[in-house]
Amino acid sequence: MSTGDKIENVGDKLKGKVKETAGKAVGNERLEAEGKADQVKGDVRQAGEHVKDAFKH
């Protein structure tokens, strides 16, 4: 996994956490759900990168 990919995946997770927290704070369920989705997206992309790395070795 390249450093750029790692940073992007962590960025998605962080952005998602911020959205989720903001959504909870203002009672916006849609924003909260988007935040959770962004976090899952970062996790899935990170898992995919780990699989690719496993096949490279």
PDB file of N, CA and C in Angstrom:
ATOM      1  N   MET A   1       0.855  -1.165   0.000  1.00  0.00           N
ATOM      2  CA  MET A   1       0.000   0.000   0.000  1.00  0.00           C
ATOM      3  C   MET A   1       0.902   1.229   0.000  1.00  0.00           C
ATOM      4  N   SER A   2       0.611   2.132  -0.919  1.00  0.00           N
ATOM      5  CA  SER A   2       1.422   3.332  -0.979  1.00  0.00           C
ATOM      6  C   SER A   2       1.048   4.298   0.142  1.00  0.00           C
ATOM      7  N   THR A   3       1.955   5.175   0.433  1.00  0.00           N
ATOM      8  CA  THR A   3       1.721   6.156   1.494  1.00  0.00           C
ATOM      9  C   THR A   3       0.537   7.047   1.141  1.00  0.00           C
ATOM     10  N   GLY A   4       0.419   7.404  -0.133  1.00  0.00           N
ATOM     11  CA  GLY A   4      -0.702   8.240  -0.567  1.00  0.00           C
ATOM     12  C   GLY A   4      -2.039   7.562  -0.329  1.00  0.00           C
ATOM     13  N   ASP A   5      -2.092   6.252  -0.604  1.00  0.00           N
ATOM     14  CA  ASP A   5      -3.327   5.503  -0.367  1.00  0.00           C
ATOM     15  C   ASP A   5      -3.652   5.447   1.116  1.00  0.00           C
ATOM     16  N   LYS A   6      -2.642   5.236   1.932  1.00  0.00           N
ATOM     17  CA  LYS A   6      -2.854   5.187   3.385  1.00  0.00           C
ATOM     18  C   LYS A   6      -3.423   6.508   3.878  1.00  0.00           C
ATOM     19  N   ILE A   7      -2.847   7.581   3.418  1.00  0.00           N
ATOM     20  CA  ILE A   7      -3.296   8.913   3.840  1.00  0.00           C
ATOM     21  C   ILE A   7      -4.731   9.152   3.387  1.00  0.00           C
ATOM     22  N   GLU A   8      -5.044   8.758   2.162  1.00  0.00           N
ATOM     23  CA  GLU A   8      -6.392   8.961   1.645  1.00  0.00           C
ATOM     24  C   GLU A   8      -7.409   8.144   2.444  1.00  0.00           C
ATOM     25  N   ASN A   9      -7.062   6.913   2.776  1.00  0.00           N
ATOM     26  CA  ASN A   9      -7.969   6.063   3.544  1.00  0.00           C
ATOM     27  C   ASN A   9      -8.198   6.622   4.943  1.00  0.00           C
ATOM     28  N   VAL A  10      -7.138   7.074   5.588  1.00  0.00           N
ATOM     29  CA  VAL A  10      -7.266   7.672   6.915  1.00  0.00           C
ATOM     30  C   VAL A  10      -8.069   8.964   6.818  1.00  0.00           C
ATOM     31  N   GLY A  11      -7.860   9.700   5.732  1.00  0.00           N
ATOM     32  CA  GLY A  11      -8.618  10.935   5.516  1.00  0.00           C
ATOM     33  C   GLY A  11     -10.105  10.676   5.397  1.00  0.00           C
ATOM     34  N   ASP A  12     -10.468   9.609   4.662  1.00  0.00           N
ATOM     35  CA  ASP A  12     -11.887   9.246   4.548  1.00  0.00           C
ATOM     36  C   ASP A  12     -12.467   8.908   5.917  1.00  0.00           C
ATOM     37  N   LYS A  13     -11.715   8.137   6.682  1.00  0.00           N
ATOM     38  CA  LYS A  13     -12.203   7.749   8.004  1.00  0.00           C
ATOM     39  C   LYS A  13     -12.352   8.957   8.915  1.00  0.00           C
ATOM     40  N   LEU A  14     -11.372   9.860   8.879  1.00  0.00           N
ATOM     41  CA  LEU A  14     -11.422  11.054   9.717  1.00  0.00           C
ATOM     42  C   LEU A  14     -12.568  11.974   9.298  1.00  0.00           C
ATOM     43  N   LYS A  15     -12.709  12.171   7.987  1.00  0.00           N
ATOM     44  CA  LYS A  15     -13.802  13.000   7.476  1.00  0.00           C
ATOM     45  C   LYS A  15     -15.142  12.414   7.909  1.00  0.00           C
ATOM     46  N   GLY A  16     -15.238  11.106   7.838  1.00  0.00           N
ATOM     47  CA  GLY A  16     -16.471  10.436   8.240  1.00  0.00           C
ATOM     48  C   GLY A  16     -16.773  10.623   9.705  1.00  0.00           C
ATOM     49  N   LYS A  17     -15.745  10.538  10.535  1.00  0.00           N
ATOM     50  CA  LYS A  17     -15.938  10.706  11.986  1.00  0.00           C
ATOM     51  C   LYS A  17     -16.407  12.130  12.297  1.00  0.00           C
ATOM     52  N   VAL A  18     -15.831  13.104  11.595  1.00  0.00           N
ATOM     53  CA  VAL A  18     -16.230  14.498  11.806  1.00  0.00           C
ATOM     54  C   VAL A  18     -17.686  14.694  11.393  1.00  0.00           C
ATOM     55  N   LYS A  19     -18.063  14.142  10.231  1.00  0.00           N
ATOM     56  CA  LYS A  19     -19.450  14.267   9.774  1.00  0.00           C
ATOM     57  C   LYS A  19     -20.406  13.591  10.751  1.00  0.00           C
ATOM     58  N   GLU A  20     -20.027  12.392  11.195  1.00  0.00           N
ATOM     59  CA  GLU A  20     -20.887  11.660  12.128  1.00  0.00           C
ATOM     60  C   GLU A  20     -21.092  12.453  13.412  1.00  0.00           C
ATOM     61  N   THR A  21     -20.011  12.983  13.957  1.00  0.00           N
ATOM     62  CA  THR A  21     -20.084  13.752  15.197  1.00  0.00           C
ATOM     63  C   THR A  21     -20.915  15.019  15.007  1.00  0.00           C
ATOM     64  N   ALA A  22     -20.707  15.701  13.891  1.00  0.00           N
ATOM     65  CA  ALA A  22     -21.473  16.916  13.615  1.00  0.00           C
ATOM     66  C   ALA A  22     -22.957  16.588  13.454  1.00  0.00           C
ATOM     67  N   GLY A  23     -23.243  15.496  12.769  1.00  0.00           N
ATOM     68  CA  GLY A  23     -24.627  15.079  12.587  1.00  0.00           C
ATOM     69  C   GLY A  23     -25.309  14.785  13.911  1.00  0.00           C
ATOM     70  N   LYS A  24     -24.591  14.099  14.793  1.00  0.00           N
ATOM     71  CA  LYS A  24     -25.149  13.809  16.120  1.00  0.00           C
ATOM     72  C   LYS A  24     -25.378  15.101  16.892  1.00  0.00           C
ATOM     73  N   ALA A  25     -24.436  16.028  16.796  1.00  0.00           N
ATOM     74  CA  ALA A  25     -24.510  17.265  17.567  1.00  0.00           C
ATOM     75  C   ALA A  25     -25.716  18.118  17.167  1.00  0.00           C
ATOM     76  N   VAL A  26     -26.016  18.137  15.877  1.00  0.00           N
ATOM     77  CA  VAL A  26     -27.121  18.995  15.420  1.00  0.00           C
ATOM     78  C   VAL A  26     -28.399  18.199  15.158  1.00  0.00           C
ATOM     79  N   GLY A  27     -28.362  16.901  15.389  1.00  0.00           N
ATOM     80  CA  GLY A  27     -29.551  16.077  15.192  1.00  0.00           C
ATOM     81  C   GLY A  27     -29.865  15.804  13.733  1.00  0.00           C
ATOM     82  N   ASN A  28     -28.843  15.823  12.886  1.00  0.00           N
ATOM     83  CA  ASN A  28     -29.026  15.583  11.453  1.00  0.00           C
ATOM     84  C   ASN A  28     -28.670  14.128  11.156  1.00  0.00           C
ATOM     85  N   GLU A  29     -29.686  13.291  11.023  1.00  0.00           N
ATOM     86  CA  GLU A  29     -29.456  11.861  10.816  1.00  0.00           C
ATOM     87  C   GLU A  29     -28.783  11.573   9.478  1.00  0.00           C
ATOM     88  N   ARG A  30     -29.104  12.367   8.455  1.00  0.00           N
ATOM     89  CA  ARG A  30     -28.493  12.157   7.137  1.00  0.00           C
ATOM     90  C   ARG A  30     -26.986  12.409   7.195  1.00  0.00           C
ATOM     91  N   LEU A  31     -26.584  13.484   7.834  1.00  0.00           N
ATOM     92  CA  LEU A  31     -25.165  13.803   7.953  1.00  0.00           C
ATOM     93  C   LEU A  31     -24.448  12.728   8.779  1.00  0.00           C
ATOM     94  N   GLU A  32     -25.095  12.268   9.822  1.00  0.00           N
ATOM     95  CA  GLU A  32     -24.530  11.215  10.656  1.00  0.00           C
ATOM     96  C   GLU A  32     -24.336   9.931   9.833  1.00  0.00           C
ATOM     97  N   ALA A  33     -25.325   9.589   9.015  1.00  0.00           N
ATOM     98  CA  ALA A  33     -25.242   8.391   8.176  1.00  0.00           C
ATOM     99  C   ALA A  33     -24.151   8.537   7.118  1.00  0.00           C
ATOM    100  N   GLU A  34     -24.022   9.721   6.537  1.00  0.00           N
ATOM    101  CA  GLU A  34     -22.956   9.966   5.562  1.00  0.00           C
ATOM    102  C   GLU A  34     -21.596   9.778   6.211  1.00  0.00           C
ATOM    103  N   GLY A  35     -21.471  10.236   7.431  1.00  0.00           N
ATOM    104  CA  GLY A  35     -20.212  10.092   8.153  1.00  0.00           C
ATOM    105  C   GLY A  35     -19.868   8.638   8.385  1.00  0.00           C
ATOM    106  N   LYS A  36     -20.847   7.867   8.783  1.00  0.00           N
ATOM    107  CA  LYS A  36     -20.612   6.434   8.988  1.00  0.00           C
ATOM    108  C   LYS A  36     -20.233   5.769   7.671  1.00  0.00           C
ATOM    109  N   ALA A  37     -20.892   6.169   6.582  1.00  0.00           N
ATOM    110  CA  ALA A  37     -20.592   5.601   5.266  1.00  0.00           C
ATOM    111  C   ALA A  37     -19.164   5.940   4.838  1.00  0.00           C
ATOM    112  N   ASP A  38     -18.730   7.164   5.087  1.00  0.00           N
ATOM    113  CA  ASP A  38     -17.355   7.554   4.742  1.00  0.00           C
ATOM    114  C   ASP A  38     -16.342   6.723   5.519  1.00  0.00           C
ATOM    115  N   GLN A  39     -16.648   6.449   6.777  1.00  0.00           N
ATOM    116  CA  GLN A  39     -15.738   5.637   7.590  1.00  0.00           C
ATOM    117  C   GLN A  39     -15.643   4.215   7.039  1.00  0.00           C
ATOM    118  N   VAL A  40     -16.779   3.666   6.658  1.00  0.00           N
ATOM    119  CA  VAL A  40     -16.793   2.312   6.090  1.00  0.00           C
ATOM    120  C   VAL A  40     -16.026   2.304   4.769  1.00  0.00           C
ATOM    121  N   LYS A  41     -16.205   3.336   3.969  1.00  0.00           N
ATOM    122  CA  LYS A  41     -15.493   3.439   2.691  1.00  0.00           C
ATOM    123  C   LYS A  41     -13.984   3.402   2.923  1.00  0.00           C
ATOM    124  N   GLY A  42     -13.511   4.143   3.905  1.00  0.00           N
ATOM    125  CA  GLY A  42     -12.082   4.136   4.231  1.00  0.00           C
ATOM    126  C   GLY A  42     -11.624   2.770   4.691  1.00  0.00           C
ATOM    127  N   ASP A  43     -12.434   2.101   5.500  1.00  0.00           N
ATOM    128  CA  ASP A  43     -12.080   0.758   5.981  1.00  0.00           C
ATOM    129  C   ASP A  43     -12.020  -0.243   4.840  1.00  0.00           C
ATOM    130  N   VAL A  44     -12.995  -0.188   3.935  1.00  0.00           N
ATOM    131  CA  VAL A  44     -13.046  -1.127   2.807  1.00  0.00           C
ATOM    132  C   VAL A  44     -11.860  -0.910   1.879  1.00  0.00           C
ATOM    133  N   ARG A  45     -11.562   0.339   1.585  1.00  0.00           N
ATOM    134  CA  ARG A  45     -10.421   0.637   0.706  1.00  0.00           C
ATOM    135  C   ARG A  45      -9.121   0.163   1.344  1.00  0.00           C
ATOM    136  N   GLN A  46      -9.004   0.347   2.646  1.00  0.00           N
ATOM    137  CA  GLN A  46      -7.805  -0.083   3.349  1.00  0.00           C
ATOM    138  C   GLN A  46      -7.690  -1.611   3.298  1.00  0.00           C
ATOM    139  N   ALA A  47      -8.790  -2.310   3.489  1.00  0.00           N
ATOM    140  CA  ALA A  47      -8.779  -3.772   3.417  1.00  0.00           C
ATOM    141  C   ALA A  47      -8.383  -4.236   2.017  1.00  0.00           C
ATOM    142  N   GLY A  48      -8.896  -3.564   0.999  1.00  0.00           N
ATOM    143  CA  GLY A  48      -8.537  -3.898  -0.382  1.00  0.00           C
ATOM    144  C   GLY A  48      -7.052  -3.721  -0.635  1.00  0.00           C
ATOM    145  N   GLU A  49      -6.482  -2.671  -0.087  1.00  0.00           N
ATOM    146  CA  GLU A  49      -5.047  -2.437  -0.242  1.00  0.00           C
ATOM    147  C   GLU A  49      -4.239  -3.543   0.437  1.00  0.00           C
ATOM    148  N   HIS A  50      -4.716  -3.997   1.587  1.00  0.00           N
ATOM    149  CA  HIS A  50      -4.020  -5.081   2.298  1.00  0.00           C
ATOM    150  C   HIS A  50      -4.042  -6.369   1.476  1.00  0.00           C
ATOM    151  N   VAL A  51      -5.163  -6.630   0.806  1.00  0.00           N
ATOM    152  CA  VAL A  51      -5.268  -7.822  -0.045  1.00  0.00           C
ATOM    153  C   VAL A  51      -4.278  -7.715  -1.204  1.00  0.00           C
ATOM    154  N   LYS A  52      -4.229  -6.549  -1.830  1.00  0.00           N
ATOM    155  CA  LYS A  52      -3.292  -6.351  -2.946  1.00  0.00           C
ATOM    156  C   LYS A  52      -1.855  -6.549  -2.477  1.00  0.00           C
ATOM    157  N   ASP A  53      -1.539  -6.019  -1.302  1.00  0.00           N
ATOM    158  CA  ASP A  53      -0.187  -6.175  -0.760  1.00  0.00           C
ATOM    159  C   ASP A  53       0.142  -7.637  -0.500  1.00  0.00           C
ATOM    160  N   ALA A  54      -0.837  -8.397  -0.039  1.00  0.00           N
ATOM    161  CA  ALA A  54      -0.613  -9.814   0.262  1.00  0.00           C
ATOM    162  C   ALA A  54      -0.254 -10.576  -1.007  1.00  0.00           C
ATOM    163  N   PHE A  55      -0.864 -10.225  -2.127  1.00  0.00           N
ATOM    164  CA  PHE A  55      -0.572 -10.928  -3.379  1.00  0.00           C
ATOM    165  C   PHE A  55       0.743 -10.486  -3.999  1.00  0.00           C
ATOM    166  N   LYS A  56       1.228  -9.330  -3.636  1.00  0.00           N
ATOM    167  CA  LYS A  56       2.509  -8.839  -4.162  1.00  0.00           C
ATOM    168  C   LYS A  56       3.674  -9.593  -3.542  1.00  0.00           C
ATOM    169  N   HIS A  57       3.498 -10.091  -2.341  1.00  0.00           N
ATOM    170  CA  HIS A  57       4.594 -10.725  -1.616  1.00  0.00           C
ATOM    171  C   HIS A  57       4.585 -12.154  -1.870  1.00  0.00           C
TER     172      HIS A  57
END
